[in-house]
Structure formats: structure tokens, C-alpha cells
Amino acid sequence: NWQKENLKKVVPDAFHTWVGDRRLMQAGAFADEVEARELQERLREAG
């Protein structure tokens, strides 16, 4: 719950999604890999 609450401080509307048999939180979807990696870096800075 702590991780989910803090993730929503960065991406307020992040939601649950299934990737195979893993239940993860989706933060965004993009047409360009560069922009996806930009969001990934922002999340890394947030821990």
C-alpha cells in the first residue's frame, strides 16, 4: 500500500494491469520509446 500510495503521488491515475501472470501498476503508454524512457527516468528519481 505504501508503494501504491507514493506511486500515485507521481502518477495520480496509475492503475493495476496484468502482464502475463504478474499484477503490476501501469504508469503510461507511448508511441515513442524515448518518451517511455523519459517517464521511466522520472520514476527512478522518485525511487
ModelCIF file with pLDDT and N, C-alpha, C, O atoms, coordinates in Angstrom:
data_MODEL
#
_entry.id   MODEL 
#
_entity.id                         1 
_entity.type                       polymer 
_entity.pdbx_number_of_molecules   1 
#
_entity_poly.entity_id                      1 
_entity_poly.type                           'polypeptide(L)' 
_entity_poly.nstd_linkage                   no 
_entity_poly.nstd_monomer                   no 
_entity_poly.pdbx_seq_one_letter_code       NWQKENLKKVVPDAFHTWVGDRRLMQAGAFADEVEARELQERLREAG 
_entity_poly.pdbx_seq_one_letter_code_can   NWQKENLKKVVPDAFHTWVGDRRLMQAGAFADEVEARELQERLREAG 
_entity_poly.pdbx_strand_id                 A 
#
loop_
_entity_poly_seq.entity_id 
_entity_poly_seq.num 
_entity_poly_seq.mon_id 
_entity_poly_seq.hetero 
1 1  ASN n 
1 2  TRP n 
1 3  GLN n 
1 4  LYS n 
1 5  GLU n 
1 6  ASN n 
1 7  LEU n 
1 8  LYS n 
1 9  LYS n 
1 10 VAL n 
1 11 VAL n 
1 12 PRO n 
1 13 ASP n 
1 14 ALA n 
1 15 PHE n 
1 16 HIS n 
1 17 THR n 
1 18 TRP n 
1 19 VAL n 
1 20 GLY n 
1 21 ASP n 
1 22 ARG n 
1 23 ARG n 
1 24 LEU n 
1 25 MET n 
1 26 GLN n 
1 27 ALA n 
1 28 GLY n 
1 29 ALA n 
1 30 PHE n 
1 31 ALA n 
1 32 ASP n 
1 33 GLU n 
1 34 VAL n 
1 35 GLU n 
1 36 ALA n 
1 37 ARG n 
1 38 GLU n 
1 39 LEU n 
1 40 GLN n 
1 41 GLU n 
1 42 ARG n 
1 43 LEU n 
1 44 ARG n 
1 45 GLU n 
1 46 ALA n 
1 47 GLY n 
#
_struct_asym.id          A 
_struct_asym.entity_id   1 
#
loop_
_ma_qa_metric.id 
_ma_qa_metric.mode 
_ma_qa_metric.name 
_ma_qa_metric.software_group_id 
_ma_qa_metric.type 
1 global pLDDT . pLDDT 
2 local  pLDDT . pLDDT 
#
_ma_qa_metric_global.metric_id      1 
_ma_qa_metric_global.metric_value   84.57 
_ma_qa_metric_global.model_id       1 
_ma_qa_metric_global.ordinal_id     1 
#
loop_
_ma_qa_metric_local.label_asym_id 
_ma_qa_metric_local.label_comp_id 
_ma_qa_metric_local.label_seq_id 
_ma_qa_metric_local.metric_id 
_ma_qa_metric_local.metric_value 
_ma_qa_metric_local.model_id 
_ma_qa_metric_local.ordinal_id 
A ASN 1  2 86.00 1 1  
A TRP 2  2 86.00 1 2  
A GLN 3  2 87.00 1 3  
A LYS 4  2 88.00 1 4  
A GLU 5  2 86.00 1 5  
A ASN 6  2 85.00 1 6  
A LEU 7  2 88.00 1 7  
A LYS 8  2 83.00 1 8  
A LYS 9  2 80.00 1 9  
A VAL 10 2 82.00 1 10 
A VAL 11 2 83.00 1 11 
A PRO 12 2 77.00 1 12 
A ASP 13 2 75.00 1 13 
A ALA 14 2 83.00 1 14 
A PHE 15 2 87.00 1 15 
A HIS 16 2 87.00 1 16 
A THR 17 2 87.00 1 17 
A TRP 18 2 85.00 1 18 
A VAL 19 2 85.00 1 19 
A GLY 20 2 82.00 1 20 
A ASP 21 2 81.00 1 21 
A ARG 22 2 86.00 1 22 
A ARG 23 2 87.00 1 23 
A LEU 24 2 91.00 1 24 
A MET 25 2 90.00 1 25 
A GLN 26 2 90.00 1 26 
A ALA 27 2 88.00 1 27 
A GLY 28 2 85.00 1 28 
A ALA 29 2 84.00 1 29 
A PHE 30 2 83.00 1 30 
A ALA 31 2 81.00 1 31 
A ASP 32 2 80.00 1 32 
A GLU 33 2 84.00 1 33 
A VAL 34 2 83.00 1 34 
A GLU 35 2 83.00 1 35 
A ALA 36 2 85.00 1 36 
A ARG 37 2 87.00 1 37 
A GLU 38 2 83.00 1 38 
A LEU 39 2 86.00 1 39 
A GLN 40 2 87.00 1 40 
A GLU 41 2 84.00 1 41 
A ARG 42 2 82.00 1 42 
A LEU 43 2 88.00 1 43 
A ARG 44 2 85.00 1 44 
A GLU 45 2 81.00 1 45 
A ALA 46 2 83.00 1 46 
A GLY 47 2 86.00 1 47 
#
loop_
_atom_site.group_PDB 
_atom_site.id 
_atom_site.type_symbol 
_atom_site.label_atom_id 
_atom_site.label_alt_id 
_atom_site.label_comp_id 
_atom_site.label_asym_id 
_atom_site.label_entity_id 
_atom_site.label_seq_id 
_atom_site.pdbx_PDB_ins_code 
_atom_site.Cartn_x 
_atom_site.Cartn_y 
_atom_site.Cartn_z 
_atom_site.occupancy 
_atom_site.B_iso_or_equiv 
_atom_site.pdbx_formal_charge 
_atom_site.auth_seq_id 
_atom_site.auth_comp_id 
_atom_site.auth_asym_id 
_atom_site.auth_atom_id 
_atom_site.pdbx_PDB_model_num 
ATOM 1   N N  . ASN A 1 1  ? 0.834  -1.207  0.000   1.00 86.00 ? 1  ASN A N  1 
ATOM 2   C CA . ASN A 1 1  ? 0.000  0.000   0.000   1.00 86.00 ? 1  ASN A CA 1 
ATOM 3   C C  . ASN A 1 1  ? 0.862  1.248   0.000   1.00 86.00 ? 1  ASN A C  1 
ATOM 4   O O  . ASN A 1 1  ? 0.515  2.248   -0.629  1.00 86.00 ? 1  ASN A O  1 
ATOM 5   N N  . TRP A 1 2  ? 1.986  1.194   0.704   1.00 86.00 ? 2  TRP A N  1 
ATOM 6   C CA . TRP A 1 2  ? 2.886  2.350   0.744   1.00 86.00 ? 2  TRP A CA 1 
ATOM 7   C C  . TRP A 1 2  ? 3.419  2.656   -0.641  1.00 86.00 ? 2  TRP A C  1 
ATOM 8   O O  . TRP A 1 2  ? 3.445  3.815   -1.057  1.00 86.00 ? 2  TRP A O  1 
ATOM 9   N N  . GLN A 1 3  ? 3.848  1.616   -1.366  1.00 87.00 ? 3  GLN A N  1 
ATOM 10  C CA . GLN A 1 3  ? 4.365  1.824   -2.718  1.00 87.00 ? 3  GLN A CA 1 
ATOM 11  C C  . GLN A 1 3  ? 3.291  2.370   -3.644  1.00 87.00 ? 3  GLN A C  1 
ATOM 12  O O  . GLN A 1 3  ? 3.558  3.271   -4.439  1.00 87.00 ? 3  GLN A O  1 
ATOM 13  N N  . LYS A 1 4  ? 2.083  1.838   -3.551  1.00 88.00 ? 4  LYS A N  1 
ATOM 14  C CA . LYS A 1 4  ? 0.998  2.291   -4.414  1.00 88.00 ? 4  LYS A CA 1 
ATOM 15  C C  . LYS A 1 4  ? 0.633  3.747   -4.128  1.00 88.00 ? 4  LYS A C  1 
ATOM 16  O O  . LYS A 1 4  ? 0.429  4.531   -5.055  1.00 88.00 ? 4  LYS A O  1 
ATOM 17  N N  . GLU A 1 5  ? 0.552  4.108   -2.850  1.00 86.00 ? 5  GLU A N  1 
ATOM 18  C CA . GLU A 1 5  ? 0.207  5.483   -2.487  1.00 86.00 ? 5  GLU A CA 1 
ATOM 19  C C  . GLU A 1 5  ? 1.263  6.458   -2.977  1.00 86.00 ? 5  GLU A C  1 
ATOM 20  O O  . GLU A 1 5  ? 0.928  7.528   -3.484  1.00 86.00 ? 5  GLU A O  1 
ATOM 21  N N  . ASN A 1 6  ? 2.540  6.103   -2.831  1.00 85.00 ? 6  ASN A N  1 
ATOM 22  C CA . ASN A 1 6  ? 3.604  7.002   -3.261  1.00 85.00 ? 6  ASN A CA 1 
ATOM 23  C C  . ASN A 1 6  ? 3.721  7.063   -4.781  1.00 85.00 ? 6  ASN A C  1 
ATOM 24  O O  . ASN A 1 6  ? 4.082  8.104   -5.329  1.00 85.00 ? 6  ASN A O  1 
ATOM 25  N N  . LEU A 1 7  ? 3.419  5.957   -5.472  1.00 88.00 ? 7  LEU A N  1 
ATOM 26  C CA . LEU A 1 7  ? 3.407  5.992   -6.932  1.00 88.00 ? 7  LEU A CA 1 
ATOM 27  C C  . LEU A 1 7  ? 2.335  6.948   -7.429  1.00 88.00 ? 7  LEU A C  1 
ATOM 28  O O  . LEU A 1 7  ? 2.552  7.664   -8.406  1.00 88.00 ? 7  LEU A O  1 
ATOM 29  N N  . LYS A 1 8  ? 1.185  6.971   -6.774  1.00 83.00 ? 8  LYS A N  1 
ATOM 30  C CA . LYS A 1 8  ? 0.101  7.846   -7.198  1.00 83.00 ? 8  LYS A CA 1 
ATOM 31  C C  . LYS A 1 8  ? 0.401  9.316   -6.923  1.00 83.00 ? 8  LYS A C  1 
ATOM 32  O O  . LYS A 1 8  ? -0.277 10.195  -7.456  1.00 83.00 ? 8  LYS A O  1 
ATOM 33  N N  . LYS A 1 9  ? 1.401  9.591   -6.104  1.00 80.00 ? 9  LYS A N  1 
ATOM 34  C CA . LYS A 1 9  ? 1.833  10.977  -5.930  1.00 80.00 ? 9  LYS A CA 1 
ATOM 35  C C  . LYS A 1 9  ? 2.583  11.470  -7.151  1.00 80.00 ? 9  LYS A C  1 
ATOM 36  O O  . LYS A 1 9  ? 2.611  12.669  -7.428  1.00 80.00 ? 9  LYS A O  1 
ATOM 37  N N  . VAL A 1 10 ? 3.197  10.539  -7.890  1.00 82.00 ? 10 VAL A N  1 
ATOM 38  C CA . VAL A 1 10 ? 3.898  10.886  -9.122  1.00 82.00 ? 10 VAL A CA 1 
ATOM 39  C C  . VAL A 1 10 ? 2.965  10.754  -10.321 1.00 82.00 ? 10 VAL A C  1 
ATOM 40  O O  . VAL A 1 10 ? 2.927  11.628  -11.187 1.00 82.00 ? 10 VAL A O  1 
ATOM 41  N N  . VAL A 1 11 ? 2.215  9.657   -10.364 1.00 83.00 ? 11 VAL A N  1 
ATOM 42  C CA . VAL A 1 11 ? 1.248  9.413   -11.445 1.00 83.00 ? 11 VAL A CA 1 
ATOM 43  C C  . VAL A 1 11 ? -0.104 9.175   -10.786 1.00 83.00 ? 11 VAL A C  1 
ATOM 44  O O  . VAL A 1 11 ? -0.433 8.036   -10.453 1.00 83.00 ? 11 VAL A O  1 
ATOM 45  N N  . PRO A 1 12 ? -0.902 10.238  -10.591 1.00 77.00 ? 12 PRO A N  1 
ATOM 46  C CA . PRO A 1 12 ? -2.140 10.121  -9.813  1.00 77.00 ? 12 PRO A CA 1 
ATOM 47  C C  . PRO A 1 12 ? -3.097 9.047   -10.305 1.00 77.00 ? 12 PRO A C  1 
ATOM 48  O O  . PRO A 1 12 ? -3.809 8.442   -9.504  1.00 77.00 ? 12 PRO A O  1 
ATOM 49  N N  . ASP A 1 13 ? -3.127 8.798   -11.631 1.00 75.00 ? 13 ASP A N  1 
ATOM 50  C CA . ASP A 1 13 ? -4.099 7.843   -12.165 1.00 75.00 ? 13 ASP A CA 1 
ATOM 51  C C  . ASP A 1 13 ? -3.466 6.535   -12.615 1.00 75.00 ? 13 ASP A C  1 
ATOM 52  O O  . ASP A 1 13 ? -4.011 5.850   -13.480 1.00 75.00 ? 13 ASP A O  1 
ATOM 53  N N  . ALA A 1 14 ? -2.324 6.181   -12.040 1.00 83.00 ? 14 ALA A N  1 
ATOM 54  C CA . ALA A 1 14 ? -1.743 4.866   -12.323 1.00 83.00 ? 14 ALA A CA 1 
ATOM 55  C C  . ALA A 1 14 ? -2.741 3.791   -11.892 1.00 83.00 ? 14 ALA A C  1 
ATOM 56  O O  . ALA A 1 14 ? -3.448 3.960   -10.899 1.00 83.00 ? 14 ALA A O  1 
ATOM 57  N N  . PHE A 1 15 ? -2.798 2.696   -12.630 1.00 87.00 ? 15 PHE A N  1 
ATOM 58  C CA . PHE A 1 15 ? -3.795 1.676   -12.337 1.00 87.00 ? 15 PHE A CA 1 
ATOM 59  C C  . PHE A 1 15 ? -3.188 0.283   -12.467 1.00 87.00 ? 15 PHE A C  1 
ATOM 60  O O  . PHE A 1 15 ? -2.110 0.105   -13.034 1.00 87.00 ? 15 PHE A O  1 
ATOM 61  N N  . HIS A 1 16 ? -3.908 -0.698  -11.927 1.00 87.00 ? 16 HIS A N  1 
ATOM 62  C CA . HIS A 1 16 ? -3.439 -2.074  -11.974 1.00 87.00 ? 16 HIS A CA 1 
ATOM 63  C C  . HIS A 1 16 ? -3.620 -2.653  -13.372 1.00 87.00 ? 16 HIS A C  1 
ATOM 64  O O  . HIS A 1 16 ? -4.592 -2.348  -14.064 1.00 87.00 ? 16 HIS A O  1 
ATOM 65  N N  . THR A 1 17 ? -2.675 -3.489  -13.777 1.00 87.00 ? 17 THR A N  1 
ATOM 66  C CA . THR A 1 17 ? -2.762 -4.181  -15.052 1.00 87.00 ? 17 THR A CA 1 
ATOM 67  C C  . THR A 1 17 ? -2.068 -5.519  -14.926 1.00 87.00 ? 17 THR A C  1 
ATOM 68  O O  . THR A 1 17 ? -1.202 -5.702  -14.070 1.00 87.00 ? 17 THR A O  1 
ATOM 69  N N  . TRP A 1 18 ? -2.450 -6.454  -15.778 1.00 85.00 ? 18 TRP A N  1 
ATOM 70  C CA . TRP A 1 18 ? -1.825 -7.773  -15.774 1.00 85.00 ? 18 TRP A CA 1 
ATOM 71  C C  . TRP A 1 18 ? -0.848 -7.870  -16.931 1.00 85.00 ? 18 TRP A C  1 
ATOM 72  O O  . TRP A 1 18 ? -1.191 -7.535  -18.064 1.00 85.00 ? 18 TRP A O  1 
ATOM 73  N N  . VAL A 1 19 ? 0.368  -8.326  -16.654 1.00 85.00 ? 19 VAL A N  1 
ATOM 74  C CA . VAL A 1 19 ? 1.366  -8.637  -17.669 1.00 85.00 ? 19 VAL A CA 1 
ATOM 75  C C  . VAL A 1 19 ? 1.715  -10.103 -17.477 1.00 85.00 ? 19 VAL A C  1 
ATOM 76  O O  . VAL A 1 19 ? 2.493  -10.454 -16.590 1.00 85.00 ? 19 VAL A O  1 
ATOM 77  N N  . GLY A 1 20 ? 1.132  -10.963 -18.320 1.00 82.00 ? 20 GLY A N  1 
ATOM 78  C CA . GLY A 1 20 ? 1.249  -12.388 -18.083 1.00 82.00 ? 20 GLY A CA 1 
ATOM 79  C C  . GLY A 1 20 ? 0.530  -12.746 -16.800 1.00 82.00 ? 20 GLY A C  1 
ATOM 80  O O  . GLY A 1 20 ? -0.661 -12.472 -16.657 1.00 82.00 ? 20 GLY A O  1 
ATOM 81  N N  . ASP A 1 21 ? 1.243  -13.357 -15.861 1.00 81.00 ? 21 ASP A N  1 
ATOM 82  C CA . ASP A 1 21 ? 0.647  -13.691 -14.575 1.00 81.00 ? 21 ASP A CA 1 
ATOM 83  C C  . ASP A 1 21 ? 1.065  -12.711 -13.479 1.00 81.00 ? 21 ASP A C  1 
ATOM 84  O O  . ASP A 1 21 ? 0.854  -12.972 -12.295 1.00 81.00 ? 21 ASP A O  1 
ATOM 85  N N  . ARG A 1 22 ? 1.657  -11.589 -13.876 1.00 86.00 ? 22 ARG A N  1 
ATOM 86  C CA . ARG A 1 22 ? 2.083  -10.576 -12.903 1.00 86.00 ? 22 ARG A CA 1 
ATOM 87  C C  . ARG A 1 22 ? 1.082  -9.428  -12.840 1.00 86.00 ? 22 ARG A C  1 
ATOM 88  O O  . ARG A 1 22 ? 0.647  -8.926  -13.876 1.00 86.00 ? 22 ARG A O  1 
ATOM 89  N N  . ARG A 1 23 ? 0.716  -9.013  -11.638 1.00 87.00 ? 23 ARG A N  1 
ATOM 90  C CA . ARG A 1 23 ? -0.180 -7.876  -11.438 1.00 87.00 ? 23 ARG A CA 1 
ATOM 91  C C  . ARG A 1 23 ? 0.669  -6.655  -11.107 1.00 87.00 ? 23 ARG A C  1 
ATOM 92  O O  . ARG A 1 23 ? 1.246  -6.573  -10.023 1.00 87.00 ? 23 ARG A O  1 
ATOM 93  N N  . LEU A 1 24 ? 0.746  -5.705  -12.039 1.00 91.00 ? 24 LEU A N  1 
ATOM 94  C CA . LEU A 1 24 ? 1.602  -4.530  -11.902 1.00 91.00 ? 24 LEU A CA 1 
ATOM 95  C C  . LEU A 1 24 ? 0.765  -3.264  -11.938 1.00 91.00 ? 24 LEU A C  1 
ATOM 96  O O  . LEU A 1 24 ? -0.453 -3.315  -12.108 1.00 91.00 ? 24 LEU A O  1 
ATOM 97  N N  . MET A 1 25 ? 1.436  -2.119  -11.776 1.00 90.00 ? 25 MET A N  1 
ATOM 98  C CA . MET A 1 25 ? 0.790  -0.809  -11.898 1.00 90.00 ? 25 MET A CA 1 
ATOM 99  C C  . MET A 1 25 ? 1.274  -0.166  -13.191 1.00 90.00 ? 25 MET A C  1 
ATOM 100 O O  . MET A 1 25 ? 2.479  -0.028  -13.400 1.00 90.00 ? 25 MET A O  1 
ATOM 101 N N  . GLN A 1 26 ? 0.342  0.228   -14.063 1.00 90.00 ? 26 GLN A N  1 
ATOM 102 C CA . GLN A 1 26 ? 0.719  0.889   -15.321 1.00 90.00 ? 26 GLN A CA 1 
ATOM 103 C C  . GLN A 1 26 ? 0.744  2.395   -15.131 1.00 90.00 ? 26 GLN A C  1 
ATOM 104 O O  . GLN A 1 26 ? -0.198 2.975   -14.591 1.00 90.00 ? 26 GLN A O  1 
ATOM 105 N N  . ALA A 1 27 ? 1.833  3.034   -15.579 1.00 88.00 ? 27 ALA A N  1 
ATOM 106 C CA . ALA A 1 27 ? 2.007  4.479   -15.404 1.00 88.00 ? 27 ALA A CA 1 
ATOM 107 C C  . ALA A 1 27 ? 1.835  5.264   -16.692 1.00 88.00 ? 27 ALA A C  1 
ATOM 108 O O  . ALA A 1 27 ? 1.625  6.476   -16.632 1.00 88.00 ? 27 ALA A O  1 
ATOM 109 N N  . GLY A 1 28 ? 1.913  4.630   -17.849 1.00 85.00 ? 28 GLY A N  1 
ATOM 110 C CA . GLY A 1 28 ? 1.753  5.374   -19.097 1.00 85.00 ? 28 GLY A CA 1 
ATOM 111 C C  . GLY A 1 28 ? 1.963  4.482   -20.300 1.00 85.00 ? 28 GLY A C  1 
ATOM 112 O O  . GLY A 1 28 ? 2.531  3.396   -20.194 1.00 85.00 ? 28 GLY A O  1 
ATOM 113 N N  . ALA A 1 29 ? 1.488  4.962   -21.473 1.00 84.00 ? 29 ALA A N  1 
ATOM 114 C CA . ALA A 1 29 ? 1.687  4.248   -22.735 1.00 84.00 ? 29 ALA A CA 1 
ATOM 115 C C  . ALA A 1 29 ? 2.081  5.250   -23.802 1.00 84.00 ? 29 ALA A C  1 
ATOM 116 O O  . ALA A 1 29 ? 1.549  6.360   -23.833 1.00 84.00 ? 29 ALA A O  1 
ATOM 117 N N  . PHE A 1 30 ? 3.008  4.876   -24.681 1.00 83.00 ? 30 PHE A N  1 
ATOM 118 C CA . PHE A 1 30 ? 3.606  5.821   -25.622 1.00 83.00 ? 30 PHE A CA 1 
ATOM 119 C C  . PHE A 1 30 ? 3.811  5.182   -26.986 1.00 83.00 ? 30 PHE A C  1 
ATOM 120 O O  . PHE A 1 30 ? 3.903  3.961   -27.111 1.00 83.00 ? 30 PHE A O  1 
ATOM 121 N N  . ALA A 1 31 ? 3.881  6.026   -28.001 1.00 81.00 ? 31 ALA A N  1 
ATOM 122 C CA . ALA A 1 31 ? 4.237  5.570   -29.341 1.00 81.00 ? 31 ALA A CA 1 
ATOM 123 C C  . ALA A 1 31 ? 5.749  5.569   -29.528 1.00 81.00 ? 31 ALA A C  1 
ATOM 124 O O  . ALA A 1 31 ? 6.262  4.806   -30.347 1.00 81.00 ? 31 ALA A O  1 
ATOM 125 N N  . ASP A 1 32 ? 6.481  6.413   -28.781 1.00 80.00 ? 32 ASP A N  1 
ATOM 126 C CA . ASP A 1 32 ? 7.932  6.546   -28.921 1.00 80.00 ? 32 ASP A CA 1 
ATOM 127 C C  . ASP A 1 32 ? 8.637  5.980   -27.692 1.00 80.00 ? 32 ASP A C  1 
ATOM 128 O O  . ASP A 1 32 ? 8.266  6.298   -26.562 1.00 80.00 ? 32 ASP A O  1 
ATOM 129 N N  . GLU A 1 33 ? 9.649  5.145   -27.905 1.00 84.00 ? 33 GLU A N  1 
ATOM 130 C CA . GLU A 1 33 ? 10.392 4.556   -26.802 1.00 84.00 ? 33 GLU A CA 1 
ATOM 131 C C  . GLU A 1 33 ? 11.156 5.622   -26.009 1.00 84.00 ? 33 GLU A C  1 
ATOM 132 O O  . GLU A 1 33 ? 11.317 5.495   -24.795 1.00 84.00 ? 33 GLU A O  1 
ATOM 133 N N  . VAL A 1 34 ? 11.619 6.656   -26.684 1.00 83.00 ? 34 VAL A N  1 
ATOM 134 C CA . VAL A 1 34 ? 12.354 7.723   -25.992 1.00 83.00 ? 34 VAL A CA 1 
ATOM 135 C C  . VAL A 1 34 ? 11.481 8.352   -24.916 1.00 83.00 ? 34 VAL A C  1 
ATOM 136 O O  . VAL A 1 34 ? 11.948 8.603   -23.806 1.00 83.00 ? 34 VAL A O  1 
ATOM 137 N N  . GLU A 1 35 ? 10.218 8.607   -25.236 1.00 83.00 ? 35 GLU A N  1 
ATOM 138 C CA . GLU A 1 35 ? 9.333  9.235   -24.259 1.00 83.00 ? 35 GLU A CA 1 
ATOM 139 C C  . GLU A 1 35 ? 8.961  8.271   -23.144 1.00 83.00 ? 35 GLU A C  1 
ATOM 140 O O  . GLU A 1 35 ? 8.761  8.689   -22.004 1.00 83.00 ? 35 GLU A O  1 
ATOM 141 N N  . ALA A 1 36 ? 8.868  6.986   -23.461 1.00 85.00 ? 36 ALA A N  1 
ATOM 142 C CA . ALA A 1 36 ? 8.635  5.992   -22.415 1.00 85.00 ? 36 ALA A CA 1 
ATOM 143 C C  . ALA A 1 36 ? 9.812  5.961   -21.449 1.00 85.00 ? 36 ALA A C  1 
ATOM 144 O O  . ALA A 1 36 ? 9.620  5.847   -20.239 1.00 85.00 ? 36 ALA A O  1 
ATOM 145 N N  . ARG A 1 37 ? 11.030 6.060   -21.977 1.00 87.00 ? 37 ARG A N  1 
ATOM 146 C CA . ARG A 1 37 ? 12.219 6.056   -21.114 1.00 87.00 ? 37 ARG A CA 1 
ATOM 147 C C  . ARG A 1 37 ? 12.330 7.350   -20.303 1.00 87.00 ? 37 ARG A C  1 
ATOM 148 O O  . ARG A 1 37 ? 12.912 7.355   -19.218 1.00 87.00 ? 37 ARG A O  1 
ATOM 149 N N  . GLU A 1 38 ? 11.778 8.432   -20.821 1.00 83.00 ? 38 GLU A N  1 
ATOM 150 C CA . GLU A 1 38 ? 11.774 9.676   -20.050 1.00 83.00 ? 38 GLU A CA 1 
ATOM 151 C C  . GLU A 1 38 ? 10.909 9.522   -18.805 1.00 83.00 ? 38 GLU A C  1 
ATOM 152 O O  . GLU A 1 38 ? 11.295 9.966   -17.725 1.00 83.00 ? 38 GLU A O  1 
ATOM 153 N N  . LEU A 1 39 ? 9.740  8.896   -18.946 1.00 86.00 ? 39 LEU A N  1 
ATOM 154 C CA . LEU A 1 39 ? 8.900  8.620   -17.786 1.00 86.00 ? 39 LEU A CA 1 
ATOM 155 C C  . LEU A 1 39 ? 9.589  7.628   -16.849 1.00 86.00 ? 39 LEU A C  1 
ATOM 156 O O  . LEU A 1 39 ? 9.510  7.776   -15.630 1.00 86.00 ? 39 LEU A O  1 
ATOM 157 N N  . GLN A 1 40 ? 10.253 6.637   -17.397 1.00 87.00 ? 40 GLN A N  1 
ATOM 158 C CA . GLN A 1 40 ? 10.969 5.665   -16.577 1.00 87.00 ? 40 GLN A CA 1 
ATOM 159 C C  . GLN A 1 40 ? 12.037 6.347   -15.727 1.00 87.00 ? 40 GLN A C  1 
ATOM 160 O O  . GLN A 1 40 ? 12.237 5.982   -14.568 1.00 87.00 ? 40 GLN A O  1 
ATOM 161 N N  . GLU A 1 41 ? 12.726 7.341   -16.300 1.00 84.00 ? 41 GLU A N  1 
ATOM 162 C CA . GLU A 1 41 ? 13.747 8.068   -15.546 1.00 84.00 ? 41 GLU A CA 1 
ATOM 163 C C  . GLU A 1 41 ? 13.125 8.887   -14.427 1.00 84.00 ? 41 GLU A C  1 
ATOM 164 O O  . GLU A 1 41 ? 13.668 8.963   -13.325 1.00 84.00 ? 41 GLU A O  1 
ATOM 165 N N  . ARG A 1 42 ? 11.976 9.503   -14.718 1.00 82.00 ? 42 ARG A N  1 
ATOM 166 C CA . ARG A 1 42 ? 11.277 10.276  -13.684 1.00 82.00 ? 42 ARG A CA 1 
ATOM 167 C C  . ARG A 1 42 ? 10.874 9.372   -12.514 1.00 82.00 ? 42 ARG A C  1 
ATOM 168 O O  . ARG A 1 42 ? 10.989 9.761   -11.352 1.00 82.00 ? 42 ARG A O  1 
ATOM 169 N N  . LEU A 1 43 ? 10.406 8.176   -12.829 1.00 88.00 ? 43 LEU A N  1 
ATOM 170 C CA . LEU A 1 43 ? 10.033 7.223   -11.780 1.00 88.00 ? 43 LEU A CA 1 
ATOM 171 C C  . LEU A 1 43 ? 11.264 6.777   -10.993 1.00 88.00 ? 43 LEU A C  1 
ATOM 172 O O  . LEU A 1 43 ? 11.193 6.594   -9.778  1.00 88.00 ? 43 LEU A O  1 
ATOM 173 N N  . ARG A 1 44 ? 12.398 6.599   -11.690 1.00 85.00 ? 44 ARG A N  1 
ATOM 174 C CA . ARG A 1 44 ? 13.627 6.218   -10.993 1.00 85.00 ? 44 ARG A CA 1 
ATOM 175 C C  . ARG A 1 44 ? 14.026 7.284   -9.995  1.00 85.00 ? 44 ARG A C  1 
ATOM 176 O O  . ARG A 1 44 ? 14.426 6.971   -8.873  1.00 85.00 ? 44 ARG A O  1 
ATOM 177 N N  . GLU A 1 45 ? 13.920 8.569   -10.401 1.00 81.00 ? 45 GLU A N  1 
ATOM 178 C CA . GLU A 1 45 ? 14.262 9.667   -9.495  1.00 81.00 ? 45 GLU A CA 1 
ATOM 179 C C  . GLU A 1 45 ? 13.351 9.672   -8.268  1.00 81.00 ? 45 GLU A C  1 
ATOM 180 O O  . GLU A 1 45 ? 13.753 10.117  -7.193  1.00 81.00 ? 45 GLU A O  1 
ATOM 181 N N  . ALA A 1 46 ? 12.126 9.175   -8.434  1.00 83.00 ? 46 ALA A N  1 
ATOM 182 C CA . ALA A 1 46 ? 11.181 9.129   -7.320  1.00 83.00 ? 46 ALA A CA 1 
ATOM 183 C C  . ALA A 1 46 ? 11.349 7.872   -6.477  1.00 83.00 ? 46 ALA A C  1 
ATOM 184 O O  . ALA A 1 46 ? 10.639 7.691   -5.488  1.00 83.00 ? 46 ALA A O  1 
ATOM 185 N N  . GLY A 1 47 ? 12.296 6.989   -6.863  1.00 86.00 ? 47 GLY A N  1 
ATOM 186 C CA . GLY A 1 47 ? 12.583 5.807   -6.062  1.00 86.00 ? 47 GLY A CA 1 
ATOM 187 C C  . GLY A 1 47 ? 11.886 4.540   -6.515  1.00 86.00 ? 47 GLY A C  1 
ATOM 188 O O  . GLY A 1 47 ? 12.063 3.486   -5.904  1.00 86.00 ? 47 GLY A O  1 
#
